[in-house]
């Protein structure tokens, strides 16, 4: 099985790791990515492997309301009318889905490794969303390709380095255990890049790029294949070190984006963390 078309492999190779871009893939008829197999997967994963919430959420949210009235299996099987949004986390805990994830990432690692090094901490997420559902604005620390399997979505992405959308302090807080949700003002939406995807399409999301997602009029399944790199870990550790510097009264410069190195600040944070035990 091939993940990307030849044209999309070329686009990915040119754009990775910093430029958002749309891709064509071949997974939208895969037997493991149907509603019933996903309901069974969610039911057998350990506690904490699934999060599911109401789908009718605003772009900005402080915490997300749980669904206590439906089991996860019922929610996925009834997603067309359940008014819910669910994420199946760490699908690599299941042997079948781990094999699928690794097959997909093995295909693109030769394109990734020359730029950001070997893939570290491969993780897969599957999103099952009712019609019209919203994933509130947030950022993620992984390199990420979101693959649309069923239904449609529009993702709005924002530039990582523009502090109008997320202040440096918010990034720093996240890397020391704070929330990933983005404080939101409606006037910021016009500064985003909207990318619509349907079955057989996907998009690349750079590390820590703020984004929110609006689901289309049909039930949706999306597969997110993610990985970390030594560069992404260094960027995260530099952010954490900046938080310490800020606490000491300094006004530190934000970490530099790829291909620049953040090694010195990252080493500073790692040394400080060891000293603190």
C-alpha atoms as a PDB file:
ATOM      1  CA  UNK A   1       0.000   0.000   0.000  1.00  0.00           C
ATOM      2  CA  UNK A   2       1.256   3.464  -0.880  1.00  0.00           C
ATOM      3  CA  UNK A   3       0.433   6.436   1.338  1.00  0.00           C
ATOM      4  CA  UNK A   4       0.898   9.348  -1.054  1.00  0.00           C
ATOM      5  CA  UNK A   5       0.586   9.782  -4.782  1.00  0.00           C
ATOM      6  CA  UNK A   6       3.808  10.551  -6.648  1.00  0.00           C
ATOM      7  CA  UNK A   7       2.815  14.202  -7.051  1.00  0.00           C
ATOM      8  CA  UNK A   8       2.075  14.537  -3.337  1.00  0.00           C
ATOM      9  CA  UNK A   9       5.388  12.932  -2.413  1.00  0.00           C
ATOM     10  CA  UNK A  10       7.107  15.654  -4.440  1.00  0.00           C
ATOM     11  CA  UNK A  11       5.040  18.394  -2.757  1.00  0.00           C
ATOM     12  CA  UNK A  12       5.750  16.969   0.687  1.00  0.00           C
ATOM     13  CA  UNK A  13       9.487  16.688  -0.018  1.00  0.00           C
ATOM     14  CA  UNK A  14       9.639  20.363  -1.089  1.00  0.00           C
ATOM     15  CA  UNK A  15       7.438  21.716   1.710  1.00  0.00           C
ATOM     16  CA  UNK A  16       8.432  19.735   4.825  1.00  0.00           C
ATOM     17  CA  UNK A  17       8.802  20.733   7.636  1.00  0.00           C
ATOM     18  CA  UNK A  18       7.567  24.347   7.700  1.00  0.00           C
ATOM     19  CA  UNK A  19       5.098  24.957   4.871  1.00  0.00           C
ATOM     20  CA  UNK A  20       1.423  23.885   5.228  1.00  0.00           C
ATOM     21  CA  UNK A  21       0.288  22.034   2.129  1.00  0.00           C
ATOM     22  CA  UNK A  22      -2.434  19.769   0.788  1.00  0.00           C
ATOM     23  CA  UNK A  23      -1.779  16.148  -0.212  1.00  0.00           C
ATOM     24  CA  UNK A  24      -3.507  13.266  -2.008  1.00  0.00           C
ATOM     25  CA  UNK A  25      -3.489   9.833  -0.314  1.00  0.00           C
ATOM     26  CA  UNK A  26      -4.837   6.321  -0.907  1.00  0.00           C
ATOM     27  CA  UNK A  27      -6.330   5.319   2.470  1.00  0.00           C
ATOM     28  CA  UNK A  28      -9.976   6.332   2.193  1.00  0.00           C
ATOM     29  CA  UNK A  29     -11.160   2.788   1.487  1.00  0.00           C
ATOM     30  CA  UNK A  30      -8.983   0.995   4.051  1.00  0.00           C
ATOM     31  CA  UNK A  31     -10.928  -1.664   5.963  1.00  0.00           C
ATOM     32  CA  UNK A  32      -9.517  -0.653   9.379  1.00  0.00           C
ATOM     33  CA  UNK A  33     -10.773   2.907   8.917  1.00  0.00           C
ATOM     34  CA  UNK A  34     -14.509   2.202   8.803  1.00  0.00           C
ATOM     35  CA  UNK A  35     -16.921   3.149  11.613  1.00  0.00           C
ATOM     36  CA  UNK A  36     -17.500  -0.363  13.017  1.00  0.00           C
ATOM     37  CA  UNK A  37     -13.799  -1.372  13.248  1.00  0.00           C
ATOM     38  CA  UNK A  38     -13.074   1.984  14.886  1.00  0.00           C
ATOM     39  CA  UNK A  39     -15.876   1.481  17.427  1.00  0.00           C
ATOM     40  CA  UNK A  40     -14.349  -1.884  18.357  1.00  0.00           C
ATOM     41  CA  UNK A  41     -10.862  -0.359  18.564  1.00  0.00           C
ATOM     42  CA  UNK A  42     -12.083   2.392  20.902  1.00  0.00           C
ATOM     43  CA  UNK A  43     -13.844  -0.156  23.116  1.00  0.00           C
ATOM     44  CA  UNK A  44     -10.745  -2.312  23.594  1.00  0.00           C
ATOM     45  CA  UNK A  45      -8.172   0.410  24.197  1.00  0.00           C
ATOM     46  CA  UNK A  46      -7.062   1.073  27.807  1.00  0.00           C
ATOM     47  CA  UNK A  47      -8.759   3.791  29.842  1.00  0.00           C
ATOM     48  CA  UNK A  48      -7.509   7.169  28.712  1.00  0.00           C
ATOM     49  CA  UNK A  49      -7.099   5.986  25.121  1.00  0.00           C
ATOM     50  CA  UNK A  50     -10.215   7.854  24.004  1.00  0.00           C
ATOM     51  CA  UNK A  51     -11.542  11.372  24.527  1.00  0.00           C
ATOM     52  CA  UNK A  52     -15.006  12.334  23.359  1.00  0.00           C
ATOM     53  CA  UNK A  53     -16.982  15.516  23.773  1.00  0.00           C
ATOM     54  CA  UNK A  54     -19.902  17.487  22.470  1.00  0.00           C
ATOM     55  CA  UNK A  55     -19.336  18.552  18.863  1.00  0.00           C
ATOM     56  CA  UNK A  56     -21.097  21.911  19.094  1.00  0.00           C
ATOM     57  CA  UNK A  57     -18.120  23.810  20.499  1.00  0.00           C
ATOM     58  CA  UNK A  58     -16.841  27.344  19.892  1.00  0.00           C
ATOM     59  CA  UNK A  59     -13.482  28.012  18.235  1.00  0.00           C
ATOM     60  CA  UNK A  60     -12.108  28.950  21.655  1.00  0.00           C
ATOM     61  CA  UNK A  61     -12.941  26.798  24.664  1.00  0.00           C
ATOM     62  CA  UNK A  62     -11.733  26.557  28.261  1.00  0.00           C
ATOM     63  CA  UNK A  63     -12.019  22.830  28.858  1.00  0.00           C
ATOM     64  CA  UNK A  64     -14.290  20.533  26.843  1.00  0.00           C
ATOM     65  CA  UNK A  65     -17.586  19.007  28.065  1.00  0.00           C
ATOM     66  CA  UNK A  66     -17.540  15.200  28.339  1.00  0.00           C
ATOM     67  CA  UNK A  67     -20.217  12.894  26.940  1.00  0.00           C
ATOM     68  CA  UNK A  68     -21.519  10.940  29.920  1.00  0.00           C
ATOM     69  CA  UNK A  69     -24.707   9.753  28.227  1.00  0.00           C
ATOM     70  CA  UNK A  70     -23.112   7.559  25.516  1.00  0.00           C
ATOM     71  CA  UNK A  71     -20.360   4.967  25.569  1.00  0.00           C
ATOM     72  CA  UNK A  72     -17.551   5.529  23.074  1.00  0.00           C
ATOM     73  CA  UNK A  73     -18.716   2.586  20.960  1.00  0.00           C
ATOM     74  CA  UNK A  74     -22.271   3.940  20.835  1.00  0.00           C
ATOM     75  CA  UNK A  75     -21.007   7.400  19.969  1.00  0.00           C
ATOM     76  CA  UNK A  76     -18.982   6.151  16.971  1.00  0.00           C
ATOM     77  CA  UNK A  77     -21.759   3.886  15.704  1.00  0.00           C
ATOM     78  CA  UNK A  78     -24.290   6.738  16.015  1.00  0.00           C
ATOM     79  CA  UNK A  79     -21.964   9.559  14.974  1.00  0.00           C
ATOM     80  CA  UNK A  80     -24.353  10.816  12.309  1.00  0.00           C
ATOM     81  CA  UNK A  81     -26.827  11.918  14.992  1.00  0.00           C
ATOM     82  CA  UNK A  82     -24.775  11.863  18.215  1.00  0.00           C
ATOM     83  CA  UNK A  83     -23.598  15.490  18.079  1.00  0.00           C
ATOM     84  CA  UNK A  84     -20.150  14.403  19.260  1.00  0.00           C
ATOM     85  CA  UNK A  85     -16.454  14.724  18.564  1.00  0.00           C
ATOM     86  CA  UNK A  86     -14.061  11.934  19.531  1.00  0.00           C
ATOM     87  CA  UNK A  87     -10.360  11.211  19.257  1.00  0.00           C
ATOM     88  CA  UNK A  88      -8.933   7.693  19.556  1.00  0.00           C
ATOM     89  CA  UNK A  89      -5.469   8.264  20.939  1.00  0.00           C
ATOM     90  CA  UNK A  90      -2.304   6.238  20.462  1.00  0.00           C
ATOM     91  CA  UNK A  91      -3.669   3.768  17.955  1.00  0.00           C
ATOM     92  CA  UNK A  92      -0.204   2.204  17.963  1.00  0.00           C
ATOM     93  CA  UNK A  93      -1.220   0.410  21.171  1.00  0.00           C
ATOM     94  CA  UNK A  94      -3.187  -1.985  18.956  1.00  0.00           C
ATOM     95  CA  UNK A  95      -1.073  -4.354  16.808  1.00  0.00           C
ATOM     96  CA  UNK A  96      -3.120  -3.974  13.607  1.00  0.00           C
ATOM     97  CA  UNK A  97      -3.195  -0.196  13.783  1.00  0.00           C
ATOM     98  CA  UNK A  98       0.466  -0.034  14.840  1.00  0.00           C
ATOM     99  CA  UNK A  99       1.375  -1.959  11.690  1.00  0.00           C
ATOM    100  CA  UNK A 100      -0.679   0.461   9.572  1.00  0.00           C
ATOM    101  CA  UNK A 101       0.875   3.526  11.209  1.00  0.00           C
ATOM    102  CA  UNK A 102       4.429   2.256  10.787  1.00  0.00           C
ATOM    103  CA  UNK A 103       3.847   1.247   7.183  1.00  0.00           C
ATOM    104  CA  UNK A 104       2.669   4.759   6.395  1.00  0.00           C
ATOM    105  CA  UNK A 105       5.492   6.523   8.225  1.00  0.00           C
ATOM    106  CA  UNK A 106       8.163   4.171   6.876  1.00  0.00           C
ATOM    107  CA  UNK A 107       7.198   5.326   3.392  1.00  0.00           C
ATOM    108  CA  UNK A 108       7.917   8.994   4.057  1.00  0.00           C
ATOM    109  CA  UNK A 109      10.816   8.714   6.521  1.00  0.00           C
ATOM    110  CA  UNK A 110      13.375   8.893   3.651  1.00  0.00           C
ATOM    111  CA  UNK A 111      11.920  12.326   2.847  1.00  0.00           C
ATOM    112  CA  UNK A 112      11.876  13.421   6.495  1.00  0.00           C
ATOM    113  CA  UNK A 113      15.246  12.224   7.793  1.00  0.00           C
ATOM    114  CA  UNK A 114      17.520  14.418   5.626  1.00  0.00           C
ATOM    115  CA  UNK A 115      15.825  17.534   7.012  1.00  0.00           C
ATOM    116  CA  UNK A 116      14.821  16.924  10.645  1.00  0.00           C
ATOM    117  CA  UNK A 117      16.487  13.575  11.369  1.00  0.00           C
ATOM    118  CA  UNK A 118      14.969  10.221  12.206  1.00  0.00           C
ATOM    119  CA  UNK A 119      11.357   9.935  13.258  1.00  0.00           C
ATOM    120  CA  UNK A 120      10.967   9.755  17.057  1.00  0.00           C
ATOM    121  CA  UNK A 121       7.852   8.763  19.005  1.00  0.00           C
ATOM    122  CA  UNK A 122       5.528   7.726  16.194  1.00  0.00           C
ATOM    123  CA  UNK A 123       1.917   8.222  17.291  1.00  0.00           C
ATOM    124  CA  UNK A 124      -1.433   7.923  15.514  1.00  0.00           C
ATOM    125  CA  UNK A 125      -4.781   9.558  16.306  1.00  0.00           C
ATOM    126  CA  UNK A 126      -8.179   8.936  14.718  1.00  0.00           C
ATOM    127  CA  UNK A 127     -10.891  11.600  14.849  1.00  0.00           C
ATOM    128  CA  UNK A 128     -14.561  10.679  14.501  1.00  0.00           C
ATOM    129  CA  UNK A 129     -16.812  13.728  14.247  1.00  0.00           C
ATOM    130  CA  UNK A 130     -20.530  14.394  13.852  1.00  0.00           C
ATOM    131  CA  UNK A 131     -21.761  16.749  11.111  1.00  0.00           C
ATOM    132  CA  UNK A 132     -20.883  20.358  11.828  1.00  0.00           C
ATOM    133  CA  UNK A 133     -18.534  19.572  14.709  1.00  0.00           C
ATOM    134  CA  UNK A 134     -15.750  21.964  15.693  1.00  0.00           C
ATOM    135  CA  UNK A 135     -12.286  21.142  17.012  1.00  0.00           C
ATOM    136  CA  UNK A 136     -11.366  24.306  18.969  1.00  0.00           C
ATOM    137  CA  UNK A 137      -8.223  26.302  18.193  1.00  0.00           C
ATOM    138  CA  UNK A 138      -5.058  24.712  19.600  1.00  0.00           C
ATOM    139  CA  UNK A 139      -1.491  23.762  18.716  1.00  0.00           C
ATOM    140  CA  UNK A 140       0.411  20.447  18.793  1.00  0.00           C
ATOM    141  CA  UNK A 141       4.111  19.629  19.324  1.00  0.00           C
ATOM    142  CA  UNK A 142       4.309  16.963  16.604  1.00  0.00           C
ATOM    143  CA  UNK A 143       4.966  16.972  12.889  1.00  0.00           C
ATOM    144  CA  UNK A 144       1.535  15.951  11.621  1.00  0.00           C
ATOM    145  CA  UNK A 145      -0.221  14.789   8.458  1.00  0.00           C
ATOM    146  CA  UNK A 146      -4.021  14.793   8.770  1.00  0.00           C
ATOM    147  CA  UNK A 147      -5.612  12.336   6.315  1.00  0.00           C
ATOM    148  CA  UNK A 148      -9.325  12.642   5.567  1.00  0.00           C
ATOM    149  CA  UNK A 149     -11.002   9.226   5.244  1.00  0.00           C
ATOM    150  CA  UNK A 150     -14.747  10.014   5.244  1.00  0.00           C
ATOM    151  CA  UNK A 151     -16.685  13.268   5.159  1.00  0.00           C
ATOM    152  CA  UNK A 152     -15.037  16.658   4.822  1.00  0.00           C
ATOM    153  CA  UNK A 153     -13.342  19.290   6.949  1.00  0.00           C
ATOM    154  CA  UNK A 154     -11.956  22.786   6.689  1.00  0.00           C
ATOM    155  CA  UNK A 155      -8.849  23.447   8.759  1.00  0.00           C
ATOM    156  CA  UNK A 156      -7.789  27.031   9.400  1.00  0.00           C
ATOM    157  CA  UNK A 157      -4.059  27.288  10.177  1.00  0.00           C
ATOM    158  CA  UNK A 158      -2.142  30.293  11.500  1.00  0.00           C
ATOM    159  CA  UNK A 159       1.572  31.173  11.276  1.00  0.00           C
ATOM    160  CA  UNK A 160       3.627  29.798  14.158  1.00  0.00           C
ATOM    161  CA  UNK A 161       5.890  32.832  14.430  1.00  0.00           C
ATOM    162  CA  UNK A 162       3.152  35.492  14.471  1.00  0.00           C
ATOM    163  CA  UNK A 163       2.516  36.328  18.122  1.00  0.00           C
ATOM    164  CA  UNK A 164      -0.808  37.976  17.267  1.00  0.00           C
ATOM    165  CA  UNK A 165      -2.266  34.461  17.251  1.00  0.00           C
ATOM    166  CA  UNK A 166      -0.347  32.831  20.104  1.00  0.00           C
ATOM    167  CA  UNK A 167       1.936  34.744  22.456  1.00  0.00           C
ATOM    168  CA  UNK A 168       5.354  33.325  23.252  1.00  0.00           C
ATOM    169  CA  UNK A 169       4.252  32.965  26.871  1.00  0.00           C
ATOM    170  CA  UNK A 170       1.431  30.589  25.825  1.00  0.00           C
ATOM    171  CA  UNK A 171       3.886  28.326  23.999  1.00  0.00           C
ATOM    172  CA  UNK A 172       6.226  28.399  26.992  1.00  0.00           C
ATOM    173  CA  UNK A 173       3.418  27.553  29.405  1.00  0.00           C
ATOM    174  CA  UNK A 174       2.366  24.559  27.294  1.00  0.00           C
ATOM    175  CA  UNK A 175       5.849  23.062  27.367  1.00  0.00           C
ATOM    176  CA  UNK A 176       5.788  23.222  31.160  1.00  0.00           C
ATOM    177  CA  UNK A 177       2.407  21.494  31.477  1.00  0.00           C
ATOM    178  CA  UNK A 178      -0.047  24.222  30.527  1.00  0.00           C
ATOM    179  CA  UNK A 179      -2.997  23.995  28.094  1.00  0.00           C
ATOM    180  CA  UNK A 180      -2.726  23.755  24.320  1.00  0.00           C
ATOM    181  CA  UNK A 181      -5.979  25.617  23.637  1.00  0.00           C
ATOM    182  CA  UNK A 182      -5.488  29.086  22.131  1.00  0.00           C
ATOM    183  CA  UNK A 183      -7.010  32.244  23.639  1.00  0.00           C
ATOM    184  CA  UNK A 184      -9.159  33.484  20.786  1.00  0.00           C
ATOM    185  CA  UNK A 185     -10.406  36.765  19.341  1.00  0.00           C
ATOM    186  CA  UNK A 186     -12.769  36.580  16.334  1.00  0.00           C
ATOM    187  CA  UNK A 187     -10.918  39.305  14.439  1.00  0.00           C
ATOM    188  CA  UNK A 188      -7.917  36.963  14.118  1.00  0.00           C
ATOM    189  CA  UNK A 189      -9.745  34.475  11.873  1.00  0.00           C
ATOM    190  CA  UNK A 190      -9.093  36.486   8.700  1.00  0.00           C
ATOM    191  CA  UNK A 191      -5.354  35.952   9.186  1.00  0.00           C
ATOM    192  CA  UNK A 192      -5.626  32.167   8.827  1.00  0.00           C
ATOM    193  CA  UNK A 193      -5.082  29.876   5.871  1.00  0.00           C
ATOM    194  CA  UNK A 194      -8.207  27.794   5.145  1.00  0.00           C
ATOM    195  CA  UNK A 195      -7.616  24.328   3.673  1.00  0.00           C
ATOM    196  CA  UNK A 196     -10.608  22.139   2.742  1.00  0.00           C
ATOM    197  CA  UNK A 197     -10.128  18.365   2.534  1.00  0.00           C
ATOM    198  CA  UNK A 198     -12.358  15.429   1.589  1.00  0.00           C
ATOM    199  CA  UNK A 199     -11.863  11.661   1.264  1.00  0.00           C
ATOM    200  CA  UNK A 200      -8.495  10.877  -0.296  1.00  0.00           C
ATOM    201  CA  UNK A 201      -7.054  14.263   0.677  1.00  0.00           C
ATOM    202  CA  UNK A 202      -4.900  15.364   3.569  1.00  0.00           C
ATOM    203  CA  UNK A 203      -2.822  18.227   4.816  1.00  0.00           C
ATOM    204  CA  UNK A 204       0.450  18.797   6.587  1.00  0.00           C
ATOM    205  CA  UNK A 205       0.468  20.774   9.849  1.00  0.00           C
ATOM    206  CA  UNK A 206       3.832  22.227  10.990  1.00  0.00           C
ATOM    207  CA  UNK A 207       4.962  21.825  14.602  1.00  0.00           C
ATOM    208  CA  UNK A 208       3.034  24.154  16.960  1.00  0.00           C
ATOM    209  CA  UNK A 209       1.016  25.808  14.163  1.00  0.00           C
ATOM    210  CA  UNK A 210      -2.243  27.096  15.724  1.00  0.00           C
ATOM    211  CA  UNK A 211      -5.308  25.688  13.982  1.00  0.00           C
ATOM    212  CA  UNK A 212      -8.991  24.910  14.336  1.00  0.00           C
ATOM    213  CA  UNK A 213     -11.224  22.580  12.337  1.00  0.00           C
ATOM    214  CA  UNK A 214     -14.840  22.775  11.196  1.00  0.00           C
ATOM    215  CA  UNK A 215     -16.435  19.522  10.109  1.00  0.00           C
ATOM    216  CA  UNK A 216     -18.609  19.349   7.004  1.00  0.00           C
ATOM    217  CA  UNK A 217     -22.259  18.225   6.701  1.00  0.00           C
ATOM    218  CA  UNK A 218     -21.496  14.483   6.899  1.00  0.00           C
ATOM    219  CA  UNK A 219     -19.982  12.225   9.595  1.00  0.00           C
ATOM    220  CA  UNK A 220     -16.211  12.382   9.403  1.00  0.00           C
ATOM    221  CA  UNK A 221     -13.259  10.061   9.969  1.00  0.00           C
ATOM    222  CA  UNK A 222      -9.728  11.488   9.916  1.00  0.00           C
ATOM    223  CA  UNK A 223      -6.405   9.786  10.617  1.00  0.00           C
ATOM    224  CA  UNK A 224      -3.569  11.871  12.011  1.00  0.00           C
ATOM    225  CA  UNK A 225      -0.097  10.338  11.634  1.00  0.00           C
ATOM    226  CA  UNK A 226       2.502  12.135  13.751  1.00  0.00           C
ATOM    227  CA  UNK A 227       6.116  11.979  14.764  1.00  0.00           C
ATOM    228  CA  UNK A 228       8.653  14.013  16.703  1.00  0.00           C
ATOM    229  CA  UNK A 229      12.193  14.929  15.731  1.00  0.00           C
ATOM    230  CA  UNK A 230      15.225  16.024  17.680  1.00  0.00           C
ATOM    231  CA  UNK A 231      14.598  19.476  16.193  1.00  0.00           C
ATOM    232  CA  UNK A 232      11.026  19.537  17.567  1.00  0.00           C
ATOM    233  CA  UNK A 233      12.206  18.408  20.997  1.00  0.00           C
ATOM    234  CA  UNK A 234      14.899  21.096  21.021  1.00  0.00           C
ATOM    235  CA  UNK A 235      12.320  23.747  20.086  1.00  0.00           C
ATOM    236  CA  UNK A 236      10.074  22.555  22.919  1.00  0.00           C
ATOM    237  CA  UNK A 237      12.898  22.527  25.468  1.00  0.00           C
ATOM    238  CA  UNK A 238      14.040  25.977  24.373  1.00  0.00           C
ATOM    239  CA  UNK A 239      10.501  27.236  24.977  1.00  0.00           C
ATOM    240  CA  UNK A 240      10.540  25.723  28.466  1.00  0.00           C
ATOM    241  CA  UNK A 241      13.923  27.315  29.191  1.00  0.00           C
ATOM    242  CA  UNK A 242      12.583  30.683  28.017  1.00  0.00           C
ATOM    243  CA  UNK A 243       9.817  30.343  30.593  1.00  0.00           C
ATOM    244  CA  UNK A 244      12.470  29.994  33.301  1.00  0.00           C
ATOM    245  CA  UNK A 245      14.388  32.982  31.952  1.00  0.00           C
ATOM    246  CA  UNK A 246      11.185  35.027  31.911  1.00  0.00           C
ATOM    247  CA  UNK A 247      10.611  34.075  35.549  1.00  0.00           C
ATOM    248  CA  UNK A 248      14.081  35.411  36.351  1.00  0.00           C
ATOM    249  CA  UNK A 249      13.162  38.772  34.857  1.00  0.00           C
ATOM    250  CA  UNK A 250      14.590  38.401  31.361  1.00  0.00           C
ATOM    251  CA  UNK A 251      12.726  38.947  28.060  1.00  0.00           C
ATOM    252  CA  UNK A 252      14.131  36.081  25.962  1.00  0.00           C
ATOM    253  CA  UNK A 253      14.009  35.791  22.187  1.00  0.00           C
ATOM    254  CA  UNK A 254      11.663  33.110  20.868  1.00  0.00           C
ATOM    255  CA  UNK A 255      13.288  29.893  19.612  1.00  0.00           C
ATOM    256  CA  UNK A 256      14.236  29.996  15.960  1.00  0.00           C
ATOM    257  CA  UNK A 257      12.355  27.871  13.468  1.00  0.00           C
ATOM    258  CA  UNK A 258      13.838  25.143  11.290  1.00  0.00           C
ATOM    259  CA  UNK A 259      16.541  24.950   9.954  1.00  0.00           C
ATOM    260  CA  UNK A 260      17.987  27.054  12.764  1.00  0.00           C
ATOM    261  CA  UNK A 261      19.217  25.251  15.871  1.00  0.00           C
ATOM    262  CA  UNK A 262      17.913  25.776  19.400  1.00  0.00           C
ATOM    263  CA  UNK A 263      20.458  23.408  20.895  1.00  0.00           C
ATOM    264  CA  UNK A 264      22.020  25.702  23.521  1.00  0.00           C
ATOM    265  CA  UNK A 265      18.736  26.667  25.181  1.00  0.00           C
ATOM    266  CA  UNK A 266      17.535  23.074  24.925  1.00  0.00           C
ATOM    267  CA  UNK A 267      20.661  21.855  26.714  1.00  0.00           C
ATOM    268  CA  UNK A 268      20.135  24.545  29.338  1.00  0.00           C
ATOM    269  CA  UNK A 269      16.603  23.291  30.064  1.00  0.00           C
ATOM    270  CA  UNK A 270      17.695  19.656  30.139  1.00  0.00           C
ATOM    271  CA  UNK A 271      20.504  20.428  32.581  1.00  0.00           C
ATOM    272  CA  UNK A 272      18.163  22.459  34.804  1.00  0.00           C
ATOM    273  CA  UNK A 273      15.601  19.649  34.762  1.00  0.00           C
ATOM    274  CA  UNK A 274      18.240  17.142  35.877  1.00  0.00           C
ATOM    275  CA  UNK A 275      19.341  19.433  38.709  1.00  0.00           C
ATOM    276  CA  UNK A 276      15.763  19.720  39.908  1.00  0.00           C
ATOM    277  CA  UNK A 277      15.431  15.940  39.930  1.00  0.00           C
END
